Amino acid sequence: MSNVKNDLDIYYAAGNANTQRQENEIASIINKRNASGWKLISTSTAIVDTKNQFSNLYLFWKKK
């Protein structure tokens, strides 16, 4: 039986505006994970504070 490794990154984003800084930070996470042998298999978002429009981005990974 094969042993599959999975992992999760949570990116805490503030507000509903997608800024260049946020895009750069997310790209950095993806590039580092890809370089260390992980494959992005799924993403999900969740609004955690509707009044202030804060949300989290969940990145689900599988070891290549």
C-alpha atoms as a PDB file:
ATOM      1  CA  MET A   1       0.000   0.000   0.000  1.00  0.00           C
ATOM      2  CA  SER A   2       1.400   3.413  -0.929  1.00  0.00           C
ATOM      3  CA  ASN A   3       1.812   6.170   1.627  1.00  0.00           C
ATOM      4  CA  VAL A   4       0.309   9.465   0.392  1.00  0.00           C
ATOM      5  CA  LYS A   5       1.258  12.703   2.117  1.00  0.00           C
ATOM      6  CA  ASN A   6      -1.145  15.636   2.139  1.00  0.00           C
ATOM      7  CA  ASP A   7      -0.768  19.111   3.603  1.00  0.00           C
ATOM      8  CA  LEU A   8      -2.612  22.412   3.920  1.00  0.00           C
ATOM      9  CA  ASP A   9      -1.610  26.079   3.777  1.00  0.00           C
ATOM     10  CA  ILE A  10      -3.953  28.762   5.051  1.00  0.00           C
ATOM     11  CA  TYR A  11      -3.486  32.215   3.569  1.00  0.00           C
ATOM     12  CA  TYR A  12      -5.131  34.875   5.720  1.00  0.00           C
ATOM     13  CA  ALA A  13      -6.361  37.598   3.376  1.00  0.00           C
ATOM     14  CA  ALA A  14      -7.724  40.903   4.584  1.00  0.00           C
ATOM     15  CA  GLY A  15     -10.608  42.594   2.824  1.00  0.00           C
ATOM     16  CA  ASN A  16     -12.230  41.828  -0.491  1.00  0.00           C
ATOM     17  CA  ALA A  17      -9.731  43.664  -2.714  1.00  0.00           C
ATOM     18  CA  ASN A  18      -7.172  41.465  -4.413  1.00  0.00           C
ATOM     19  CA  THR A  19      -3.947  43.439  -4.159  1.00  0.00           C
ATOM     20  CA  GLN A  20      -0.656  42.880  -5.960  1.00  0.00           C
ATOM     21  CA  ARG A  21       0.953  42.144  -2.575  1.00  0.00           C
ATOM     22  CA  GLN A  22      -1.538  39.334  -1.940  1.00  0.00           C
ATOM     23  CA  GLU A  23      -0.996  37.930  -5.437  1.00  0.00           C
ATOM     24  CA  ASN A  24       2.785  37.965  -4.896  1.00  0.00           C
ATOM     25  CA  GLU A  25       2.503  36.243  -1.513  1.00  0.00           C
ATOM     26  CA  ILE A  26       0.245  33.505  -2.888  1.00  0.00           C
ATOM     27  CA  ALA A  27       2.551  33.007  -5.902  1.00  0.00           C
ATOM     28  CA  SER A  28       5.500  32.698  -3.518  1.00  0.00           C
ATOM     29  CA  ILE A  29       3.721  29.999  -1.483  1.00  0.00           C
ATOM     30  CA  ILE A  30       2.879  28.059  -4.663  1.00  0.00           C
ATOM     31  CA  ASN A  31       6.409  28.352  -6.086  1.00  0.00           C
ATOM     32  CA  LYS A  32       8.040  27.191  -2.830  1.00  0.00           C
ATOM     33  CA  ARG A  33       5.693  24.222  -2.536  1.00  0.00           C
ATOM     34  CA  ASN A  34       6.166  23.201  -6.187  1.00  0.00           C
ATOM     35  CA  ALA A  35       9.947  23.427  -5.813  1.00  0.00           C
ATOM     36  CA  SER A  36       9.855  21.098  -2.801  1.00  0.00           C
ATOM     37  CA  GLY A  37       7.806  18.426  -4.556  1.00  0.00           C
ATOM     38  CA  TRP A  38       4.199  19.303  -3.708  1.00  0.00           C
ATOM     39  CA  LYS A  39       1.282  19.488  -6.149  1.00  0.00           C
ATOM     40  CA  LEU A  40      -1.649  21.871  -5.583  1.00  0.00           C
ATOM     41  CA  ILE A  41      -4.795  19.731  -5.766  1.00  0.00           C
ATOM     42  CA  SER A  42      -7.533  22.044  -4.527  1.00  0.00           C
ATOM     43  CA  THR A  43      -8.332  25.509  -3.196  1.00  0.00           C
ATOM     44  CA  SER A  44     -11.168  26.825  -1.114  1.00  0.00           C
ATOM     45  CA  THR A  45     -12.120  30.149   0.433  1.00  0.00           C
ATOM     46  CA  ALA A  46     -14.104  30.942   3.547  1.00  0.00           C
ATOM     47  CA  ILE A  47     -15.389  34.287   4.734  1.00  0.00           C
ATOM     48  CA  VAL A  48     -14.523  34.523   8.414  1.00  0.00           C
ATOM     49  CA  ASP A  49     -15.752  38.060   9.151  1.00  0.00           C
ATOM     50  CA  THR A  50     -18.586  39.371   6.985  1.00  0.00           C
ATOM     51  CA  LYS A  51     -18.644  42.815   8.584  1.00  0.00           C
ATOM     52  CA  ASN A  52     -15.008  43.549   7.687  1.00  0.00           C
ATOM     53  CA  GLN A  53     -14.933  41.216   4.669  1.00  0.00           C
ATOM     54  CA  PHE A  54     -12.021  39.096   5.888  1.00  0.00           C
ATOM     55  CA  SER A  55     -11.529  35.738   4.224  1.00  0.00           C
ATOM     56  CA  ASN A  56      -9.137  32.796   4.272  1.00  0.00           C
ATOM     57  CA  LEU A  57      -7.728  30.968   1.265  1.00  0.00           C
ATOM     58  CA  TYR A  58      -7.050  27.281   1.844  1.00  0.00           C
ATOM     59  CA  LEU A  59      -4.490  25.562  -0.406  1.00  0.00           C
ATOM     60  CA  PHE A  60      -4.575  21.761  -0.355  1.00  0.00           C
ATOM     61  CA  TRP A  61      -1.415  19.911  -1.409  1.00  0.00           C
ATOM     62  CA  LYS A  62      -0.375  16.365  -2.265  1.00  0.00           C
ATOM     63  CA  LYS A  63       3.227  15.162  -2.290  1.00  0.00           C
ATOM     64  CA  LYS A  64       4.326  14.346  -5.868  1.00  0.00           C
END
